[in-house]
Amino acid sequence: APDKATISGNMPDGDVTVTVTYKIISYKRIINYFDGDTTNKVAPSVELTLKYNDKYDAVDSPIVTGFAVACKKVDGGVMPDHDVIDTVIYTRNKHNLTIHYSMADATPAFNDYTDTVLFGKPYSVTSNSLTHYEPNPAIVADTMPDHDVVVNVIYKPLNYNVEIHYQDSEKNPIQGDGSASAPYGSDF
């Protein structure tokens, strides 16, 4: 852009020299890295200020934990007479969630639960109920890390109370009552 857009004046009785200086305009070269699922940034942007006709190098896309990127490198080139903005989209890695359900003695209680969950996304699975047994954990919940997850849910028998009342044949108490606790299916 010239420092003097218009040259004008009143001509004197001699030669006039006017100098017009052109400043080279700079433009921005910006590369943004976004999560395609949420449109949040997954890495800092690359921002360069370049002059018209400057050459710029290719830029490798950064490695981001939990994400894959199809565009491994943004091409280099020659700076045009406007800003250049590129957007690189990352996709979340998918991982398997497997839940094994078994009794305390390792025999299967239910068929396995399987699902595919995206990295960074929450999951929550309520364990199946089984009469007289308690699952541990009762709810399998977390946020998917950048690897497969396997969880073992163990079903343990519930404890039940046994109350003992001592009495004679006429149903009169003969000593203090007693109590005990025992797991379902066990001898007491």
C-alpha atoms as a PDB file:
ATOM      1  CA  ALA A   1       0.000   0.000   0.000  1.00  0.00           C
ATOM      2  CA  PRO A   2       1.414   3.443  -0.870  1.00  0.00           C
ATOM      3  CA  ASP A   3       2.116   5.971   1.863  1.00  0.00           C
ATOM      4  CA  LYS A   4       0.534   8.658  -0.361  1.00  0.00           C
ATOM      5  CA  ALA A   5      -2.604   7.524  -2.124  1.00  0.00           C
ATOM      6  CA  THR A   6      -2.908  10.765  -4.132  1.00  0.00           C
ATOM      7  CA  ILE A   7      -0.199  13.085  -5.380  1.00  0.00           C
ATOM      8  CA  SER A   8      -1.398  16.644  -5.808  1.00  0.00           C
ATOM      9  CA  GLY A   9      -0.336  20.195  -5.208  1.00  0.00           C
ATOM     10  CA  ASN A  10       0.355  23.573  -6.866  1.00  0.00           C
ATOM     11  CA  MET A  11       3.186  23.489  -9.409  1.00  0.00           C
ATOM     12  CA  PRO A  12       6.026  25.889  -8.555  1.00  0.00           C
ATOM     13  CA  ASP A  13       8.416  27.406 -11.140  1.00  0.00           C
ATOM     14  CA  GLY A  14      10.763  24.461 -11.006  1.00  0.00           C
ATOM     15  CA  ASP A  15      10.851  20.671 -11.060  1.00  0.00           C
ATOM     16  CA  VAL A  16       9.210  18.735  -8.243  1.00  0.00           C
ATOM     17  CA  THR A  17      10.202  15.281  -7.062  1.00  0.00           C
ATOM     18  CA  VAL A  18       7.711  13.274  -5.051  1.00  0.00           C
ATOM     19  CA  THR A  19       8.652   9.937  -3.531  1.00  0.00           C
ATOM     20  CA  VAL A  20       5.880   7.406  -2.941  1.00  0.00           C
ATOM     21  CA  THR A  21       6.853   4.532  -0.664  1.00  0.00           C
ATOM     22  CA  TYR A  22       5.030   1.241  -0.843  1.00  0.00           C
ATOM     23  CA  LYS A  23       4.877  -0.842   2.297  1.00  0.00           C
ATOM     24  CA  ILE A  24       4.732  -4.574   1.755  1.00  0.00           C
ATOM     25  CA  ILE A  25       1.550  -5.907   3.322  1.00  0.00           C
ATOM     26  CA  SER A  26       1.822  -8.919   5.577  1.00  0.00           C
ATOM     27  CA  TYR A  27      -0.754 -11.681   5.721  1.00  0.00           C
ATOM     28  CA  LYS A  28      -1.541 -14.427   8.222  1.00  0.00           C
ATOM     29  CA  ARG A  29      -0.902 -18.117   7.659  1.00  0.00           C
ATOM     30  CA  ILE A  30      -3.022 -19.947  10.270  1.00  0.00           C
ATOM     31  CA  ILE A  31      -3.523 -23.672  10.852  1.00  0.00           C
ATOM     32  CA  ASN A  32      -6.236 -24.701  13.361  1.00  0.00           C
ATOM     33  CA  TYR A  33      -6.571 -28.194  14.851  1.00  0.00           C
ATOM     34  CA  PHE A  34     -10.090 -29.244  15.891  1.00  0.00           C
ATOM     35  CA  ASP A  35     -11.928 -32.245  17.339  1.00  0.00           C
ATOM     36  CA  GLY A  36     -14.451 -33.128  14.618  1.00  0.00           C
ATOM     37  CA  ASP A  37     -16.897 -34.352  17.260  1.00  0.00           C
ATOM     38  CA  THR A  38     -17.044 -31.222  19.438  1.00  0.00           C
ATOM     39  CA  THR A  39     -15.252 -28.548  17.340  1.00  0.00           C
ATOM     40  CA  ASN A  40     -13.013 -27.840  20.360  1.00  0.00           C
ATOM     41  CA  LYS A  41      -9.342 -27.189  19.681  1.00  0.00           C
ATOM     42  CA  VAL A  42      -7.172 -30.255  20.299  1.00  0.00           C
ATOM     43  CA  ALA A  43      -3.812 -28.510  19.771  1.00  0.00           C
ATOM     44  CA  PRO A  44      -2.561 -24.920  19.668  1.00  0.00           C
ATOM     45  CA  SER A  45      -2.949 -23.166  16.322  1.00  0.00           C
ATOM     46  CA  VAL A  46       0.077 -22.395  14.171  1.00  0.00           C
ATOM     47  CA  GLU A  47       0.136 -18.736  13.172  1.00  0.00           C
ATOM     48  CA  LEU A  48       2.741 -17.129  10.921  1.00  0.00           C
ATOM     49  CA  THR A  49       2.935 -13.597   9.573  1.00  0.00           C
ATOM     50  CA  LEU A  50       4.269 -13.572   6.007  1.00  0.00           C
ATOM     51  CA  LYS A  51       4.662 -11.082   3.215  1.00  0.00           C
ATOM     52  CA  TYR A  52       3.110 -11.469  -0.204  1.00  0.00           C
ATOM     53  CA  ASN A  53       5.058 -13.975  -2.297  1.00  0.00           C
ATOM     54  CA  ASP A  54       7.034 -15.380   0.669  1.00  0.00           C
ATOM     55  CA  LYS A  55       7.487 -19.136   0.622  1.00  0.00           C
ATOM     56  CA  TYR A  56       6.269 -21.147   3.583  1.00  0.00           C
ATOM     57  CA  ASP A  57       7.082 -24.729   4.538  1.00  0.00           C
ATOM     58  CA  ALA A  58       4.755 -27.668   5.066  1.00  0.00           C
ATOM     59  CA  VAL A  59       3.704 -28.158   8.695  1.00  0.00           C
ATOM     60  CA  ASP A  60       3.339 -31.577  10.321  1.00  0.00           C
ATOM     61  CA  SER A  61       0.066 -32.066  12.174  1.00  0.00           C
ATOM     62  CA  PRO A  62       0.753 -32.646  15.871  1.00  0.00           C
ATOM     63  CA  ILE A  63       0.164 -36.019  17.501  1.00  0.00           C
ATOM     64  CA  VAL A  64      -2.739 -35.719  19.940  1.00  0.00           C
ATOM     65  CA  THR A  65      -3.424 -38.452  22.503  1.00  0.00           C
ATOM     66  CA  GLY A  66      -6.739 -40.197  21.866  1.00  0.00           C
ATOM     67  CA  PHE A  67      -7.177 -38.803  18.354  1.00  0.00           C
ATOM     68  CA  ALA A  68      -6.389 -39.801  14.781  1.00  0.00           C
ATOM     69  CA  VAL A  69      -5.820 -37.365  11.945  1.00  0.00           C
ATOM     70  CA  ALA A  70      -6.078 -38.035   8.206  1.00  0.00           C
ATOM     71  CA  CYS A  71      -4.080 -34.910   7.269  1.00  0.00           C
ATOM     72  CA  LYS A  72      -0.613 -35.740   8.575  1.00  0.00           C
ATOM     73  CA  LYS A  73       0.933 -32.648   6.993  1.00  0.00           C
ATOM     74  CA  VAL A  74      -0.416 -29.299   5.761  1.00  0.00           C
ATOM     75  CA  ASP A  75       1.275 -28.381   2.476  1.00  0.00           C
ATOM     76  CA  GLY A  76       3.658 -25.479   2.085  1.00  0.00           C
ATOM     77  CA  GLY A  77       3.365 -22.890  -0.668  1.00  0.00           C
ATOM     78  CA  VAL A  78       3.757 -19.270  -1.660  1.00  0.00           C
ATOM     79  CA  MET A  79       1.884 -16.585   0.258  1.00  0.00           C
ATOM     80  CA  PRO A  80      -0.917 -15.030  -1.803  1.00  0.00           C
ATOM     81  CA  ASP A  81      -2.322 -11.535  -1.321  1.00  0.00           C
ATOM     82  CA  HIS A  82      -4.706 -12.623   1.456  1.00  0.00           C
ATOM     83  CA  ASP A  83      -4.722 -14.598   4.697  1.00  0.00           C
ATOM     84  CA  VAL A  84      -4.513 -18.389   4.412  1.00  0.00           C
ATOM     85  CA  ILE A  85      -6.410 -20.406   7.029  1.00  0.00           C
ATOM     86  CA  ASP A  86      -6.375 -24.203   7.087  1.00  0.00           C
ATOM     87  CA  THR A  87      -8.379 -26.411   9.419  1.00  0.00           C
ATOM     88  CA  VAL A  88      -7.233 -29.907  10.340  1.00  0.00           C
ATOM     89  CA  ILE A  89      -9.949 -32.167  11.774  1.00  0.00           C
ATOM     90  CA  TYR A  90      -9.097 -34.896  14.274  1.00  0.00           C
ATOM     91  CA  THR A  91     -11.334 -37.874  15.013  1.00  0.00           C
ATOM     92  CA  ARG A  92     -11.564 -39.599  18.377  1.00  0.00           C
ATOM     93  CA  ASN A  93     -10.118 -43.092  18.651  1.00  0.00           C
ATOM     94  CA  LYS A  94     -12.645 -45.873  19.316  1.00  0.00           C
ATOM     95  CA  HIS A  95     -11.967 -48.454  21.998  1.00  0.00           C
ATOM     96  CA  ASN A  96     -13.679 -51.597  23.202  1.00  0.00           C
ATOM     97  CA  LEU A  97     -15.429 -51.799  26.558  1.00  0.00           C
ATOM     98  CA  THR A  98     -15.832 -55.410  27.727  1.00  0.00           C
ATOM     99  CA  ILE A  99     -17.515 -56.415  30.973  1.00  0.00           C
ATOM    100  CA  HIS A 100     -17.206 -60.017  32.215  1.00  0.00           C
ATOM    101  CA  TYR A 101     -19.868 -61.171  34.700  1.00  0.00           C
ATOM    102  CA  SER A 102     -18.924 -64.086  36.948  1.00  0.00           C
ATOM    103  CA  MET A 103     -19.668 -65.711  40.253  1.00  0.00           C
ATOM    104  CA  ALA A 104     -17.113 -65.648  43.081  1.00  0.00           C
ATOM    105  CA  ASP A 105     -15.876 -69.089  41.946  1.00  0.00           C
ATOM    106  CA  ALA A 106     -15.215 -67.683  38.409  1.00  0.00           C
ATOM    107  CA  THR A 107     -18.136 -69.461  36.718  1.00  0.00           C
ATOM    108  CA  PRO A 108     -19.962 -67.165  34.287  1.00  0.00           C
ATOM    109  CA  ALA A 109     -23.023 -65.383  35.678  1.00  0.00           C
ATOM    110  CA  PHE A 110     -24.140 -63.663  32.439  1.00  0.00           C
ATOM    111  CA  ASN A 111     -22.899 -63.194  28.889  1.00  0.00           C
ATOM    112  CA  ASP A 112     -20.220 -60.548  28.459  1.00  0.00           C
ATOM    113  CA  TYR A 113     -21.255 -56.979  27.705  1.00  0.00           C
ATOM    114  CA  THR A 114     -19.354 -55.342  24.839  1.00  0.00           C
ATOM    115  CA  ASP A 115     -19.521 -51.877  23.356  1.00  0.00           C
ATOM    116  CA  THR A 116     -17.364 -49.424  21.433  1.00  0.00           C
ATOM    117  CA  VAL A 117     -16.786 -46.069  23.117  1.00  0.00           C
ATOM    118  CA  LEU A 118     -14.991 -42.980  21.803  1.00  0.00           C
ATOM    119  CA  PHE A 119     -11.907 -41.718  23.640  1.00  0.00           C
ATOM    120  CA  GLY A 120     -12.785 -39.153  26.295  1.00  0.00           C
ATOM    121  CA  LYS A 121     -16.484 -40.034  26.339  1.00  0.00           C
ATOM    122  CA  PRO A 122     -18.207 -41.268  29.504  1.00  0.00           C
ATOM    123  CA  TYR A 123     -19.768 -44.699  29.786  1.00  0.00           C
ATOM    124  CA  SER A 124     -22.073 -46.168  32.432  1.00  0.00           C
ATOM    125  CA  VAL A 125     -23.413 -49.718  32.532  1.00  0.00           C
ATOM    126  CA  THR A 126     -25.594 -51.038  35.358  1.00  0.00           C
ATOM    127  CA  SER A 127     -24.696 -54.629  36.232  1.00  0.00           C
ATOM    128  CA  ASN A 128     -27.456 -57.223  35.816  1.00  0.00           C
ATOM    129  CA  SER A 129     -29.320 -58.195  38.956  1.00  0.00           C
ATOM    130  CA  LEU A 130     -29.219 -61.770  40.227  1.00  0.00           C
ATOM    131  CA  THR A 131     -31.492 -62.891  43.074  1.00  0.00           C
ATOM    132  CA  HIS A 132     -29.587 -63.436  46.352  1.00  0.00           C
ATOM    133  CA  TYR A 133     -26.346 -62.014  44.903  1.00  0.00           C
ATOM    134  CA  GLU A 134     -24.700 -58.617  44.838  1.00  0.00           C
ATOM    135  CA  PRO A 135     -22.616 -57.445  41.848  1.00  0.00           C
ATOM    136  CA  ASN A 136     -19.334 -55.694  42.504  1.00  0.00           C
ATOM    137  CA  PRO A 137     -19.230 -53.144  41.007  1.00  0.00           C
ATOM    138  CA  ALA A 138     -22.971 -52.521  40.696  1.00  0.00           C
ATOM    139  CA  ILE A 139     -22.345 -49.824  38.074  1.00  0.00           C
ATOM    140  CA  VAL A 140     -19.387 -49.796  35.692  1.00  0.00           C
ATOM    141  CA  ALA A 141     -18.767 -46.137  34.889  1.00  0.00           C
ATOM    142  CA  ASP A 142     -15.800 -44.037  33.844  1.00  0.00           C
ATOM    143  CA  THR A 143     -14.411 -42.018  30.949  1.00  0.00           C
ATOM    144  CA  MET A 144     -12.880 -43.995  28.070  1.00  0.00           C
ATOM    145  CA  PRO A 145      -9.072 -43.757  28.070  1.00  0.00           C
ATOM    146  CA  ASP A 146      -6.969 -44.186  24.950  1.00  0.00           C
ATOM    147  CA  HIS A 147      -7.040 -48.001  25.176  1.00  0.00           C
ATOM    148  CA  ASP A 148      -9.508 -50.881  25.503  1.00  0.00           C
ATOM    149  CA  VAL A 149     -11.124 -51.415  28.918  1.00  0.00           C
ATOM    150  CA  VAL A 150     -11.966 -54.787  30.484  1.00  0.00           C
ATOM    151  CA  VAL A 151     -13.905 -54.912  33.763  1.00  0.00           C
ATOM    152  CA  ASN A 152     -14.716 -57.990  35.836  1.00  0.00           C
ATOM    153  CA  VAL A 153     -17.988 -57.873  37.775  1.00  0.00           C
ATOM    154  CA  ILE A 154     -18.051 -60.482  40.531  1.00  0.00           C
ATOM    155  CA  TYR A 155     -21.343 -61.690  42.031  1.00  0.00           C
ATOM    156  CA  LYS A 156     -21.042 -62.516  45.729  1.00  0.00           C
ATOM    157  CA  PRO A 157     -23.852 -64.052  47.790  1.00  0.00           C
ATOM    158  CA  LEU A 158     -25.795 -61.655  49.985  1.00  0.00           C
ATOM    159  CA  ASN A 159     -25.501 -62.143  53.743  1.00  0.00           C
ATOM    160  CA  TYR A 160     -28.682 -62.901  55.630  1.00  0.00           C
ATOM    161  CA  ASN A 161     -29.278 -62.714  59.352  1.00  0.00           C
ATOM    162  CA  VAL A 162     -30.283 -65.679  61.495  1.00  0.00           C
ATOM    163  CA  GLU A 163     -32.067 -64.830  64.736  1.00  0.00           C
ATOM    164  CA  ILE A 164     -32.120 -67.497  67.442  1.00  0.00           C
ATOM    165  CA  HIS A 165     -34.765 -67.451  70.176  1.00  0.00           C
ATOM    166  CA  TYR A 166     -34.274 -69.965  73.014  1.00  0.00           C
ATOM    167  CA  GLN A 167     -37.459 -71.152  74.738  1.00  0.00           C
ATOM    168  CA  ASP A 168     -38.817 -74.041  76.656  1.00  0.00           C
ATOM    169  CA  SER A 169     -41.606 -76.303  75.447  1.00  0.00           C
ATOM    170  CA  GLU A 170     -44.180 -73.827  76.730  1.00  0.00           C
ATOM    171  CA  LYS A 171     -42.587 -71.063  74.659  1.00  0.00           C
ATOM    172  CA  ASN A 172     -41.043 -69.221  77.590  1.00  0.00           C
ATOM    173  CA  PRO A 173     -37.651 -67.645  76.929  1.00  0.00           C
ATOM    174  CA  ILE A 174     -34.913 -69.565  78.719  1.00  0.00           C
ATOM    175  CA  GLN A 175     -31.842 -67.523  77.858  1.00  0.00           C
ATOM    176  CA  GLY A 176     -30.865 -64.456  75.805  1.00  0.00           C
ATOM    177  CA  ASP A 177     -31.588 -64.439  72.121  1.00  0.00           C
ATOM    178  CA  GLY A 178     -28.757 -64.883  69.644  1.00  0.00           C
ATOM    179  CA  SER A 179     -28.049 -63.878  66.081  1.00  0.00           C
ATOM    180  CA  ALA A 180     -25.666 -64.717  63.292  1.00  0.00           C
ATOM    181  CA  SER A 181     -25.058 -63.731  59.708  1.00  0.00           C
ATOM    182  CA  ALA A 182     -24.347 -66.100  56.843  1.00  0.00           C
ATOM    183  CA  PRO A 183     -24.043 -65.784  53.067  1.00  0.00           C
ATOM    184  CA  TYR A 184     -26.837 -67.127  50.878  1.00  0.00           C
ATOM    185  CA  GLY A 185     -26.435 -70.860  50.198  1.00  0.00           C
ATOM    186  CA  SER A 186     -23.977 -71.491  53.036  1.00  0.00           C
ATOM    187  CA  ASP A 187     -24.424 -73.691  56.092  1.00  0.00           C
ATOM    188  CA  PHE A 188     -25.121 -72.030  59.434  1.00  0.00           C
END
